[in-house]
Full PDB file with SEQRES, HELIX, SHEET, SSBOND, CRYST1, ORIGX, SCALE, CONECT and MASTER records, all heavy atoms in Angstrom:
SEQRES   1 A   35  LYS ILE GLN LYS SER GLU LEU LEU ASP PHE ASP ILE ASP          
SEQRES   2 A   35  PRO ARG ALA ASN LEU HIS LEU ASP THR THR LYS ILE ALA          
SEQRES   3 A   35  PHE HIS LYS GLU ARG VAL LYS ALA TRP                          
HELIX    1 AA1 ILE A    2  LYS A    4  5                                   3    
HELIX    2 AA2 ILE A   25  HIS A   28  5                                   4    
HELIX    3 AA3 LYS A   29  ALA A   34  1                                   6    
CRYST1    1.000    1.000    1.000  90.00  90.00  90.00 P 1           1          
ORIGX1      1.000000  0.000000  0.000000        0.00000                         
ORIGX2      0.000000  1.000000  0.000000        0.00000                         
ORIGX3      0.000000  0.000000  1.000000        0.00000                         
SCALE1      1.000000  0.000000  0.000000        0.00000                         
SCALE2      0.000000  1.000000  0.000000        0.00000                         
SCALE3      0.000000  0.000000  1.000000        0.00000                         
ATOM      1  N   LYS A   1    -179.669  87.641 -10.525  1.00  0.00           N  
ATOM      2  CA  LYS A   1    -179.739  86.585  -9.528  1.00  0.00           C  
ATOM      3  C   LYS A   1    -178.598  86.687  -8.509  1.00  0.00           C  
ATOM      4  O   LYS A   1    -178.867  86.548  -7.288  1.00  0.00           O  
ATOM      5  CB  LYS A   1    -179.634  85.227 -10.266  1.00  0.00           C  
ATOM      6  CG  LYS A   1    -179.780  83.993  -9.354  1.00  0.00           C  
ATOM      7  CD  LYS A   1    -179.730  82.706 -10.128  1.00  0.00           C  
ATOM      8  CE  LYS A   1    -179.840  81.546  -9.204  1.00  0.00           C  
ATOM      9  NZ  LYS A   1    -179.770  80.215  -9.966  1.00  0.00           N  
ATOM     10  N   ILE A   2    -177.400  86.938  -8.957  1.00  0.00           N  
ATOM     11  CA  ILE A   2    -176.267  86.973  -8.022  1.00  0.00           C  
ATOM     12  C   ILE A   2    -176.284  88.217  -7.170  1.00  0.00           C  
ATOM     13  O   ILE A   2    -175.789  88.215  -6.043  1.00  0.00           O  
ATOM     14  CB  ILE A   2    -174.948  86.826  -8.713  1.00  0.00           C  
ATOM     15  CG1 ILE A   2    -173.825  86.271  -7.758  1.00  0.00           C  
ATOM     16  CG2 ILE A   2    -174.415  88.146  -9.422  1.00  0.00           C  
ATOM     17  CD1 ILE A   2    -172.667  85.750  -8.440  1.00  0.00           C  
ATOM     18  N   GLN A   3    -176.910  89.337  -7.645  1.00  0.00           N  
ATOM     19  CA  GLN A   3    -176.976  90.535  -6.843  1.00  0.00           C  
ATOM     20  C   GLN A   3    -177.929  90.312  -5.707  1.00  0.00           C  
ATOM     21  O   GLN A   3    -177.884  91.071  -4.711  1.00  0.00           O  
ATOM     22  CB  GLN A   3    -177.375  91.676  -7.690  1.00  0.00           C  
ATOM     23  CG  GLN A   3    -176.287  92.217  -8.635  1.00  0.00           C  
ATOM     24  CD  GLN A   3    -176.648  93.337  -9.466  1.00  0.00           C  
ATOM     25  OE1 GLN A   3    -177.877  93.666  -9.676  1.00  0.00           O  
ATOM     26  NE2 GLN A   3    -175.693  94.030 -10.071  1.00  0.00           N  
ATOM     27  N   LYS A   4    -178.796  89.334  -5.718  1.00  0.00           N  
ATOM     28  CA  LYS A   4    -179.699  88.999  -4.620  1.00  0.00           C  
ATOM     29  C   LYS A   4    -179.070  88.082  -3.605  1.00  0.00           C  
ATOM     30  O   LYS A   4    -179.631  87.791  -2.585  1.00  0.00           O  
ATOM     31  CB  LYS A   4    -181.021  88.411  -5.183  1.00  0.00           C  
ATOM     32  CG  LYS A   4    -181.778  89.343  -6.077  1.00  0.00           C  
ATOM     33  CD  LYS A   4    -182.944  88.603  -6.754  1.00  0.00           C  
ATOM     34  CE  LYS A   4    -183.708  89.562  -7.699  1.00  0.00           C  
ATOM     35  NZ  LYS A   4    -184.813  88.883  -8.497  1.00  0.00           N  
ATOM     36  N   SER A   5    -177.869  87.563  -3.964  1.00  0.00           N  
ATOM     37  CA  SER A   5    -177.231  86.601  -3.113  1.00  0.00           C  
ATOM     38  C   SER A   5    -176.367  87.406  -2.061  1.00  0.00           C  
ATOM     39  O   SER A   5    -176.254  88.616  -2.144  1.00  0.00           O  
ATOM     40  CB  SER A   5    -176.327  85.649  -3.860  1.00  0.00           C  
ATOM     41  OG  SER A   5    -175.157  86.348  -4.328  1.00  0.00           O  
ATOM     42  N   GLU A   6    -175.625  86.690  -1.161  1.00  0.00           N  
ATOM     43  CA  GLU A   6    -174.756  87.307  -0.262  1.00  0.00           C  
ATOM     44  C   GLU A   6    -173.301  87.174  -0.650  1.00  0.00           C  
ATOM     45  O   GLU A   6    -172.396  87.367   0.179  1.00  0.00           O  
ATOM     46  CB  GLU A   6    -175.002  86.673   1.134  1.00  0.00           C  
ATOM     47  CG  GLU A   6    -176.373  86.922   1.722  1.00  0.00           C  
ATOM     48  CD  GLU A   6    -176.573  86.269   3.038  1.00  0.00           C  
ATOM     49  OE1 GLU A   6    -175.663  85.575   3.543  1.00  0.00           O  
ATOM     50  OE2 GLU A   6    -177.694  86.522   3.683  1.00  0.00           O  
ATOM     51  N   LEU A   7    -173.063  86.792  -1.890  1.00  0.00           N  
ATOM     52  CA  LEU A   7    -171.689  86.550  -2.352  1.00  0.00           C  
ATOM     53  C   LEU A   7    -170.927  87.845  -2.717  1.00  0.00           C  
ATOM     54  O   LEU A   7    -169.711  87.795  -2.726  1.00  0.00           O  
ATOM     55  CB  LEU A   7    -171.714  85.598  -3.556  1.00  0.00           C  
ATOM     56  CG  LEU A   7    -172.203  84.172  -3.342  1.00  0.00           C  
ATOM     57  CD1 LEU A   7    -172.320  83.373  -4.665  1.00  0.00           C  
ATOM     58  CD2 LEU A   7    -171.243  83.416  -2.401  1.00  0.00           C  
ATOM     59  N   LEU A   8    -171.639  88.852  -3.102  1.00  0.00           N  
ATOM     60  CA  LEU A   8    -171.037  90.041  -3.621  1.00  0.00           C  
ATOM     61  C   LEU A   8    -170.568  91.024  -2.528  1.00  0.00           C  
ATOM     62  O   LEU A   8    -171.256  91.204  -1.526  1.00  0.00           O  
ATOM     63  CB  LEU A   8    -171.901  90.749  -4.639  1.00  0.00           C  
ATOM     64  CG  LEU A   8    -172.386  89.930  -5.835  1.00  0.00           C  
ATOM     65  CD1 LEU A   8    -173.227  90.836  -6.750  1.00  0.00           C  
ATOM     66  CD2 LEU A   8    -171.215  89.322  -6.545  1.00  0.00           C  
ATOM     67  N   ASP A   9    -169.351  91.627  -2.793  1.00  0.00           N  
ATOM     68  CA  ASP A   9    -168.931  92.701  -1.944  1.00  0.00           C  
ATOM     69  C   ASP A   9    -168.357  93.809  -2.829  1.00  0.00           C  
ATOM     70  O   ASP A   9    -167.169  93.713  -3.280  1.00  0.00           O  
ATOM     71  CB  ASP A   9    -167.832  92.190  -0.955  1.00  0.00           C  
ATOM     72  CG  ASP A   9    -167.369  93.239   0.006  1.00  0.00           C  
ATOM     73  OD1 ASP A   9    -167.799  94.451  -0.108  1.00  0.00           O  
ATOM     74  OD2 ASP A   9    -166.563  92.861   0.915  1.00  0.00           O  
ATOM     75  N   PHE A  10    -169.120  94.849  -3.117  1.00  0.00           N  
ATOM     76  CA  PHE A  10    -168.710  95.914  -4.031  1.00  0.00           C  
ATOM     77  C   PHE A  10    -167.698  96.844  -3.349  1.00  0.00           C  
ATOM     78  O   PHE A  10    -167.140  97.720  -3.969  1.00  0.00           O  
ATOM     79  CB  PHE A  10    -169.922  96.690  -4.549  1.00  0.00           C  
ATOM     80  CG  PHE A  10    -170.697  95.874  -5.547  1.00  0.00           C  
ATOM     81  CD1 PHE A  10    -171.807  95.195  -5.219  1.00  0.00           C  
ATOM     82  CD2 PHE A  10    -170.264  95.942  -6.890  1.00  0.00           C  
ATOM     83  CE1 PHE A  10    -172.535  94.475  -6.139  1.00  0.00           C  
ATOM     84  CE2 PHE A  10    -170.976  95.191  -7.843  1.00  0.00           C  
ATOM     85  CZ  PHE A  10    -172.128  94.476  -7.516  1.00  0.00           C  
ATOM     86  N   ASP A  11    -167.511  96.696  -2.072  1.00  0.00           N  
ATOM     87  CA  ASP A  11    -166.543  97.579  -1.325  1.00  0.00           C  
ATOM     88  C   ASP A  11    -165.145  97.014  -1.317  1.00  0.00           C  
ATOM     89  O   ASP A  11    -164.192  97.691  -1.031  1.00  0.00           O  
ATOM     90  CB  ASP A  11    -167.006  97.821   0.109  1.00  0.00           C  
ATOM     91  CG  ASP A  11    -168.264  98.610   0.169  1.00  0.00           C  
ATOM     92  OD1 ASP A  11    -168.437  99.561  -0.657  1.00  0.00           O  
ATOM     93  OD2 ASP A  11    -169.097  98.305   1.085  1.00  0.00           O  
ATOM     94  N   ILE A  12    -164.953  95.744  -1.737  1.00  0.00           N  
ATOM     95  CA  ILE A  12    -163.666  95.120  -1.719  1.00  0.00           C  
ATOM     96  C   ILE A  12    -162.807  95.629  -2.876  1.00  0.00           C  
ATOM     97  O   ILE A  12    -163.362  95.873  -3.945  1.00  0.00           O  
ATOM     98  CB  ILE A  12    -163.787  93.610  -1.709  1.00  0.00           C  
ATOM     99  CG1 ILE A  12    -162.486  92.981  -1.232  1.00  0.00           C  
ATOM    100  CG2 ILE A  12    -164.190  93.038  -3.122  1.00  0.00           C  
ATOM    101  CD1 ILE A  12    -162.674  91.545  -0.784  1.00  0.00           C  
ATOM    102  N   ASP A  13    -161.539  95.704  -2.638  1.00  0.00           N  
ATOM    103  CA  ASP A  13    -160.586  96.077  -3.723  1.00  0.00           C  
ATOM    104  C   ASP A  13    -159.933  94.818  -4.260  1.00  0.00           C  
ATOM    105  O   ASP A  13    -159.059  94.282  -3.570  1.00  0.00           O  
ATOM    106  CB  ASP A  13    -159.537  97.064  -3.192  1.00  0.00           C  
ATOM    107  CG  ASP A  13    -158.511  97.455  -4.271  1.00  0.00           C  
ATOM    108  OD1 ASP A  13    -158.718  97.115  -5.437  1.00  0.00           O  
ATOM    109  OD2 ASP A  13    -157.525  98.133  -3.891  1.00  0.00           O  
ATOM    110  N   PRO A  14    -160.334  94.326  -5.443  1.00  0.00           N  
ATOM    111  CA  PRO A  14    -159.672  93.141  -5.958  1.00  0.00           C  
ATOM    112  C   PRO A  14    -158.232  93.226  -6.227  1.00  0.00           C  
ATOM    113  O   PRO A  14    -157.495  92.216  -6.391  1.00  0.00           O  
ATOM    114  CB  PRO A  14    -160.489  92.834  -7.217  1.00  0.00           C  
ATOM    115  CG  PRO A  14    -161.059  94.173  -7.643  1.00  0.00           C  
ATOM    116  CD  PRO A  14    -161.300  94.931  -6.358  1.00  0.00           C  
ATOM    117  N   ARG A  15    -157.684  94.513  -6.271  1.00  0.00           N  
ATOM    118  CA  ARG A  15    -156.306  94.755  -6.610  1.00  0.00           C  
ATOM    119  C   ARG A  15    -155.469  95.049  -5.371  1.00  0.00           C  
ATOM    120  O   ARG A  15    -154.309  95.534  -5.532  1.00  0.00           O  
ATOM    121  CB  ARG A  15    -156.188  95.838  -7.631  1.00  0.00           C  
ATOM    122  CG  ARG A  15    -156.768  95.407  -8.998  1.00  0.00           C  
ATOM    123  CD  ARG A  15    -157.110  96.596  -9.928  1.00  0.00           C  
ATOM    124  NE  ARG A  15    -157.702  96.076 -11.159  1.00  0.00           N  
ATOM    125  CZ  ARG A  15    -158.937  95.750 -11.299  1.00  0.00           C  
ATOM    126  NH1 ARG A  15    -159.769  95.883 -10.298  1.00  0.00           N  
ATOM    127  NH2 ARG A  15    -159.440  95.249 -12.460  1.00  0.00           N  
ATOM    128  N   ALA A  16    -156.049  94.841  -4.220  1.00  0.00           N  
ATOM    129  CA  ALA A  16    -155.325  95.207  -3.018  1.00  0.00           C  
ATOM    130  C   ALA A  16    -154.054  94.476  -2.838  1.00  0.00           C  
ATOM    131  O   ALA A  16    -152.976  95.005  -2.388  1.00  0.00           O  
ATOM    132  CB  ALA A  16    -156.176  94.982  -1.760  1.00  0.00           C  
ATOM    133  N   ASN A  17    -153.977  93.166  -3.175  1.00  0.00           N  
ATOM    134  CA  ASN A  17    -152.822  92.318  -3.053  1.00  0.00           C  
ATOM    135  C   ASN A  17    -152.118  91.861  -4.309  1.00  0.00           C  
ATOM    136  O   ASN A  17    -150.969  91.480  -4.341  1.00  0.00           O  
ATOM    137  CB  ASN A  17    -153.130  91.099  -2.164  1.00  0.00           C  
ATOM    138  CG  ASN A  17    -153.707  91.443  -0.847  1.00  0.00           C  
ATOM    139  OD1 ASN A  17    -153.172  92.290  -0.131  1.00  0.00           O  
ATOM    140  ND2 ASN A  17    -154.796  90.828  -0.426  1.00  0.00           N  
ATOM    141  N   LEU A  18    -152.835  91.997  -5.407  1.00  0.00           N  
ATOM    142  CA  LEU A  18    -152.344  91.542  -6.717  1.00  0.00           C  
ATOM    143  C   LEU A  18    -152.968  92.417  -7.806  1.00  0.00           C  
ATOM    144  O   LEU A  18    -154.143  92.488  -7.929  1.00  0.00           O  
ATOM    145  CB  LEU A  18    -152.705  90.110  -6.909  1.00  0.00           C  
ATOM    146  CG  LEU A  18    -152.278  89.379  -8.209  1.00  0.00           C  
ATOM    147  CD1 LEU A  18    -150.788  89.305  -8.278  1.00  0.00           C  
ATOM    148  CD2 LEU A  18    -152.923  88.003  -8.300  1.00  0.00           C  
ATOM    149  N   HIS A  19    -152.100  93.027  -8.574  1.00  0.00           N  
ATOM    150  CA  HIS A  19    -152.586  93.872  -9.646  1.00  0.00           C  
ATOM    151  C   HIS A  19    -152.141  93.268 -10.969  1.00  0.00           C  
ATOM    152  O   HIS A  19    -150.935  93.304 -11.314  1.00  0.00           O  
ATOM    153  CB  HIS A  19    -151.993  95.346  -9.470  1.00  0.00           C  
ATOM    154  CG  HIS A  19    -152.881  96.379 -10.146  1.00  0.00           C  
ATOM    155  ND1 HIS A  19    -153.355  96.259 -11.433  1.00  0.00           N  
ATOM    156  CD2 HIS A  19    -153.329  97.543  -9.697  1.00  0.00           C  
ATOM    157  CE1 HIS A  19    -154.072  97.329 -11.766  1.00  0.00           C  
ATOM    158  NE2 HIS A  19    -154.096  98.136 -10.708  1.00  0.00           N  
ATOM    159  N   LEU A  20    -153.126  92.817 -11.751  1.00  0.00           N  
ATOM    160  CA  LEU A  20    -152.818  92.133 -13.021  1.00  0.00           C  
ATOM    161  C   LEU A  20    -153.083  92.997 -14.230  1.00  0.00           C  
ATOM    162  O   LEU A  20    -153.028  92.589 -15.363  1.00  0.00           O  
ATOM    163  CB  LEU A  20    -153.682  90.865 -13.097  1.00  0.00           C  
ATOM    164  CG  LEU A  20    -153.548  89.854 -11.968  1.00  0.00           C  
ATOM    165  CD1 LEU A  20    -154.647  88.752 -12.015  1.00  0.00           C  
ATOM    166  CD2 LEU A  20    -152.162  89.260 -12.010  1.00  0.00           C  
ATOM    167  N   ASP A  21    -153.422  94.232 -13.995  1.00  0.00           N  
ATOM    168  CA  ASP A  21    -153.908  95.130 -15.070  1.00  0.00           C  
ATOM    169  C   ASP A  21    -153.031  96.382 -15.169  1.00  0.00           C  
ATOM    170  O   ASP A  21    -153.477  97.504 -15.094  1.00  0.00           O  
ATOM    171  CB  ASP A  21    -155.300  95.522 -14.813  1.00  0.00           C  
ATOM    172  CG  ASP A  21    -155.917  96.341 -15.940  1.00  0.00           C  
ATOM    173  OD1 ASP A  21    -155.507  96.176 -17.100  1.00  0.00           O  
ATOM    174  OD2 ASP A  21    -156.883  97.110 -15.724  1.00  0.00           O  
ATOM    175  N   THR A  22    -151.717  96.188 -15.232  1.00  0.00           N  
ATOM    176  CA  THR A  22    -150.789  97.321 -15.272  1.00  0.00           C  
ATOM    177  C   THR A  22    -149.518  96.892 -15.787  1.00  0.00           C  
ATOM    178  O   THR A  22    -149.250  95.686 -16.064  1.00  0.00           O  
ATOM    179  CB  THR A  22    -150.634  97.925 -13.841  1.00  0.00           C  
ATOM    180  OG1 THR A  22    -149.836  99.114 -13.941  1.00  0.00           O  
ATOM    181  CG2 THR A  22    -149.906  96.918 -12.931  1.00  0.00           C  
ATOM    182  N   THR A  23    -148.579  97.802 -16.026  1.00  0.00           N  
ATOM    183  CA  THR A  23    -147.169  97.500 -16.313  1.00  0.00           C  
ATOM    184  C   THR A  23    -146.309  97.904 -15.057  1.00  0.00           C  
ATOM    185  O   THR A  23    -146.608  98.885 -14.449  1.00  0.00           O  
ATOM    186  CB  THR A  23    -146.657  98.221 -17.553  1.00  0.00           C  
ATOM    187  OG1 THR A  23    -145.258  98.001 -17.689  1.00  0.00           O  
ATOM    188  CG2 THR A  23    -146.917  99.709 -17.507  1.00  0.00           C  
ATOM    189  N   LYS A  24    -145.271  97.093 -14.809  1.00  0.00           N  
ATOM    190  CA  LYS A  24    -144.413  97.367 -13.736  1.00  0.00           C  
ATOM    191  C   LYS A  24    -143.106  97.962 -14.208  1.00  0.00           C  
ATOM    192  O   LYS A  24    -142.142  97.947 -13.494  1.00  0.00           O  
ATOM    193  CB  LYS A  24    -144.126  96.037 -13.004  1.00  0.00           C  
ATOM    194  CG  LYS A  24    -145.382  95.309 -12.562  1.00  0.00           C  
ATOM    195  CD  LYS A  24    -145.170  93.902 -12.082  1.00  0.00           C  
ATOM    196  CE  LYS A  24    -146.413  93.118 -11.841  1.00  0.00           C  
ATOM    197  NZ  LYS A  24    -146.922  92.617 -13.167  1.00  0.00           N  
ATOM    198  N   ILE A  25    -143.131  98.586 -15.329  1.00  0.00           N  
ATOM    199  CA  ILE A  25    -141.890  99.166 -15.936  1.00  0.00           C  
ATOM    200  C   ILE A  25    -141.260 100.218 -15.037  1.00  0.00           C  
ATOM    201  O   ILE A  25    -140.064 100.398 -14.996  1.00  0.00           O  
ATOM    202  CB  ILE A  25    -142.228  99.702 -17.341  1.00  0.00           C  
ATOM    203  CG1 ILE A  25    -140.894 100.067 -18.078  1.00  0.00           C  
ATOM    204  CG2 ILE A  25    -143.113 100.927 -17.324  1.00  0.00           C  
ATOM    205  CD1 ILE A  25    -140.127  98.803 -18.527  1.00  0.00           C  
ATOM    206  N   ALA A  26    -142.107 100.968 -14.262  1.00  0.00           N  
ATOM    207  CA  ALA A  26    -141.579 102.046 -13.437  1.00  0.00           C  
ATOM    208  C   ALA A  26    -140.672 101.517 -12.290  1.00  0.00           C  
ATOM    209  O   ALA A  26    -139.909 102.275 -11.684  1.00  0.00           O  
ATOM    210  CB  ALA A  26    -142.727 102.767 -12.836  1.00  0.00           C  
ATOM    211  N   PHE A  27    -140.778 100.269 -11.937  1.00  0.00           N  
ATOM    212  CA  PHE A  27    -139.905  99.623 -10.922  1.00  0.00           C  
ATOM    213  C   PHE A  27    -138.581  99.140 -11.510  1.00  0.00           C  
ATOM    214  O   PHE A  27    -137.790  98.564 -10.805  1.00  0.00           O  
ATOM    215  CB  PHE A  27    -140.620  98.405 -10.292  1.00  0.00           C  
ATOM    216  CG  PHE A  27    -141.786  98.840  -9.424  1.00  0.00           C  
ATOM    217  CD1 PHE A  27    -143.108  98.965  -9.937  1.00  0.00           C  
ATOM    218  CD2 PHE A  27    -141.658  99.131  -8.076  1.00  0.00           C  
ATOM    219  CE1 PHE A  27    -144.140  99.342  -9.175  1.00  0.00           C  
ATOM    220  CE2 PHE A  27    -142.680  99.455  -7.252  1.00  0.00           C  
ATOM    221  CZ  PHE A  27    -143.940  99.607  -7.818  1.00  0.00           C  
ATOM    222  N   HIS A  28    -138.330  99.525 -12.788  1.00  0.00           N  
ATOM    223  CA  HIS A  28    -137.059  99.114 -13.451  1.00  0.00           C  
ATOM    224  C   HIS A  28    -136.410 100.310 -14.087  1.00  0.00           C  
ATOM    225  O   HIS A  28    -135.929 100.287 -15.214  1.00  0.00           O  
ATOM    226  CB  HIS A  28    -137.394  98.035 -14.494  1.00  0.00           C  
ATOM    227  CG  HIS A  28    -137.922  96.779 -13.953  1.00  0.00           C  
ATOM    228  ND1 HIS A  28    -137.168  95.766 -13.460  1.00  0.00           N  
ATOM    229  CD2 HIS A  28    -139.237  96.384 -13.727  1.00  0.00           C  
ATOM    230  CE1 HIS A  28    -137.978  94.780 -12.989  1.00  0.00           C  
ATOM    231  NE2 HIS A  28    -139.227  95.135 -13.144  1.00  0.00           N  
ATOM    232  N   LYS A  29    -136.377 101.413 -13.292  1.00  0.00           N  
ATOM    233  CA  LYS A  29    -135.907 102.711 -13.820  1.00  0.00           C  
ATOM    234  C   LYS A  29    -134.441 102.561 -14.300  1.00  0.00           C  
ATOM    235  O   LYS A  29    -134.083 103.243 -15.289  1.00  0.00           O  
ATOM    236  CB  LYS A  29    -136.005 103.793 -12.735  1.00  0.00           C  
ATOM    237  CG  LYS A  29    -137.444 104.349 -12.594  1.00  0.00           C  
ATOM    238  CD  LYS A  29    -137.380 105.564 -11.688  1.00  0.00           C  
ATOM    239  CE  LYS A  29    -138.740 106.305 -11.687  1.00  0.00           C  
ATOM    240  NZ  LYS A  29    -139.741 105.637 -10.988  1.00  0.00           N  
ATOM    241  N   GLU A  30    -133.608 101.841 -13.631  1.00  0.00           N  
ATOM    242  CA  GLU A  30    -132.171 101.738 -14.025  1.00  0.00           C  
ATOM    243  C   GLU A  30    -132.044 101.150 -15.425  1.00  0.00           C  
ATOM    244  O   GLU A  30    -131.292 101.634 -16.249  1.00  0.00           O  
ATOM    245  CB  GLU A  30    -131.409 100.940 -13.011  1.00  0.00           C  
ATOM    246  CG  GLU A  30    -129.906 101.116 -13.121  1.00  0.00           C  
ATOM    247  CD  GLU A  30    -129.236 100.248 -14.205  1.00  0.00           C  
ATOM    248  OE1 GLU A  30    -129.767  99.250 -14.595  1.00  0.00           O  
ATOM    249  OE2 GLU A  30    -128.129 100.595 -14.652  1.00  0.00           O  
ATOM    250  N   ARG A  31    -132.825 100.097 -15.702  1.00  0.00           N  
ATOM    251  CA  ARG A  31    -132.800  99.441 -17.003  1.00  0.00           C  
ATOM    252  C   ARG A  31    -133.363 100.371 -18.063  1.00  0.00           C  
ATOM    253  O   ARG A  31    -132.824 100.490 -19.173  1.00  0.00           O  
ATOM    254  CB  ARG A  31    -133.589  98.140 -17.004  1.00  0.00           C  
ATOM    255  CG  ARG A  31    -133.500  97.277 -18.222  1.00  0.00           C  
ATOM    256  CD  ARG A  31    -132.168  96.509 -18.339  1.00  0.00           C  
ATOM    257  NE  ARG A  31    -131.943  95.593 -17.264  1.00  0.00           N  
ATOM    258  CZ  ARG A  31    -132.216  94.330 -17.191  1.00  0.00           C  
ATOM    259  NH1 ARG A  31    -132.648  93.721 -18.213  1.00  0.00           N  
ATOM    260  NH2 ARG A  31    -131.905  93.605 -16.102  1.00  0.00           N  
ATOM    261  N   VAL A  32    -134.419 101.092 -17.728  1.00  0.00           N  
ATOM    262  CA  VAL A  32    -135.069 102.018 -18.690  1.00  0.00           C  
ATOM    263  C   VAL A  32    -134.120 103.166 -19.005  1.00  0.00           C  
ATOM    264  O   VAL A  32    -133.984 103.518 -20.154  1.00  0.00           O  
ATOM    265  CB  VAL A  32    -136.424 102.550 -18.162  1.00  0.00           C  
ATOM    266  CG1 VAL A  32    -136.940 103.669 -19.080  1.00  0.00           C  
ATOM    267  CG2 VAL A  32    -137.425 101.413 -17.951  1.00  0.00           C  
ATOM    268  N   LYS A  33    -133.454 103.630 -18.005  1.00  0.00           N  
ATOM    269  CA  LYS A  33    -132.504 104.763 -18.236  1.00  0.00           C  
ATOM    270  C   LYS A  33    -131.332 104.312 -19.125  1.00  0.00           C  
ATOM    271  O   LYS A  33    -130.950 105.040 -20.021  1.00  0.00           O  
ATOM    272  CB  LYS A  33    -131.864 105.252 -16.926  1.00  0.00           C  
ATOM    273  CG  LYS A  33    -130.949 106.487 -17.095  1.00  0.00           C  
ATOM    274  CD  LYS A  33    -130.384 106.953 -15.747  1.00  0.00           C  
ATOM    275  CE  LYS A  33    -129.526 108.209 -15.960  1.00  0.00           C  
ATOM    276  NZ  LYS A  33    -128.447 108.014 -16.920  1.00  0.00           N  
ATOM    277  N   ALA A  34    -130.802 103.123 -18.892  1.00  0.00           N  
ATOM    278  CA  ALA A  34    -129.715 102.612 -19.728  1.00  0.00           C  
ATOM    279  C   ALA A  34    -130.203 102.478 -21.108  1.00  0.00           C  
ATOM    280  O   ALA A  34    -129.469 102.826 -22.122  1.00  0.00           O  
ATOM    281  CB  ALA A  34    -129.282 101.234 -19.173  1.00  0.00           C  
ATOM    282  N   TRP A  35    -131.455 101.992 -21.397  1.00  0.00           N  
ATOM    283  CA  TRP A  35    -132.025 101.873 -22.712  1.00  0.00           C  
ATOM    284  C   TRP A  35    -132.164 103.227 -23.366  1.00  0.00           C  
ATOM    285  O   TRP A  35    -131.822 103.457 -24.560  1.00  0.00           O  
ATOM    286  CB  TRP A  35    -133.331 101.141 -22.656  1.00  0.00           C  
ATOM    287  CG  TRP A  35    -134.216 101.310 -23.843  1.00  0.00           C  
ATOM    288  CD1 TRP A  35    -134.083 100.663 -25.063  1.00  0.00           C  
ATOM    289  CD2 TRP A  35    -135.341 102.169 -24.004  1.00  0.00           C  
ATOM    290  NE1 TRP A  35    -135.031 101.089 -25.938  1.00  0.00           N  
ATOM    291  CE2 TRP A  35    -135.822 102.053 -25.322  1.00  0.00           C  
ATOM    292  CE3 TRP A  35    -135.941 103.072 -23.181  1.00  0.00           C  
ATOM    293  CZ2 TRP A  35    -136.949 102.750 -25.786  1.00  0.00           C  
ATOM    294  CZ3 TRP A  35    -137.058 103.760 -23.595  1.00  0.00           C  
ATOM    295  CH2 TRP A  35    -137.536 103.635 -24.929  1.00  0.00           C  
TER     296      TRP A  35                                                      
MASTER        0    0    0    3    0    0    0    6  295    1    0    3          
END                                                                             
């Protein structure tokens, strides 16, 4: 039903501005090195 609607956009990147499916540990290299 929803695929027949105009609501869907399969070309959009849902993670373009916010990524909830990852770890950000690489942005804390100084802390990781100390550990």
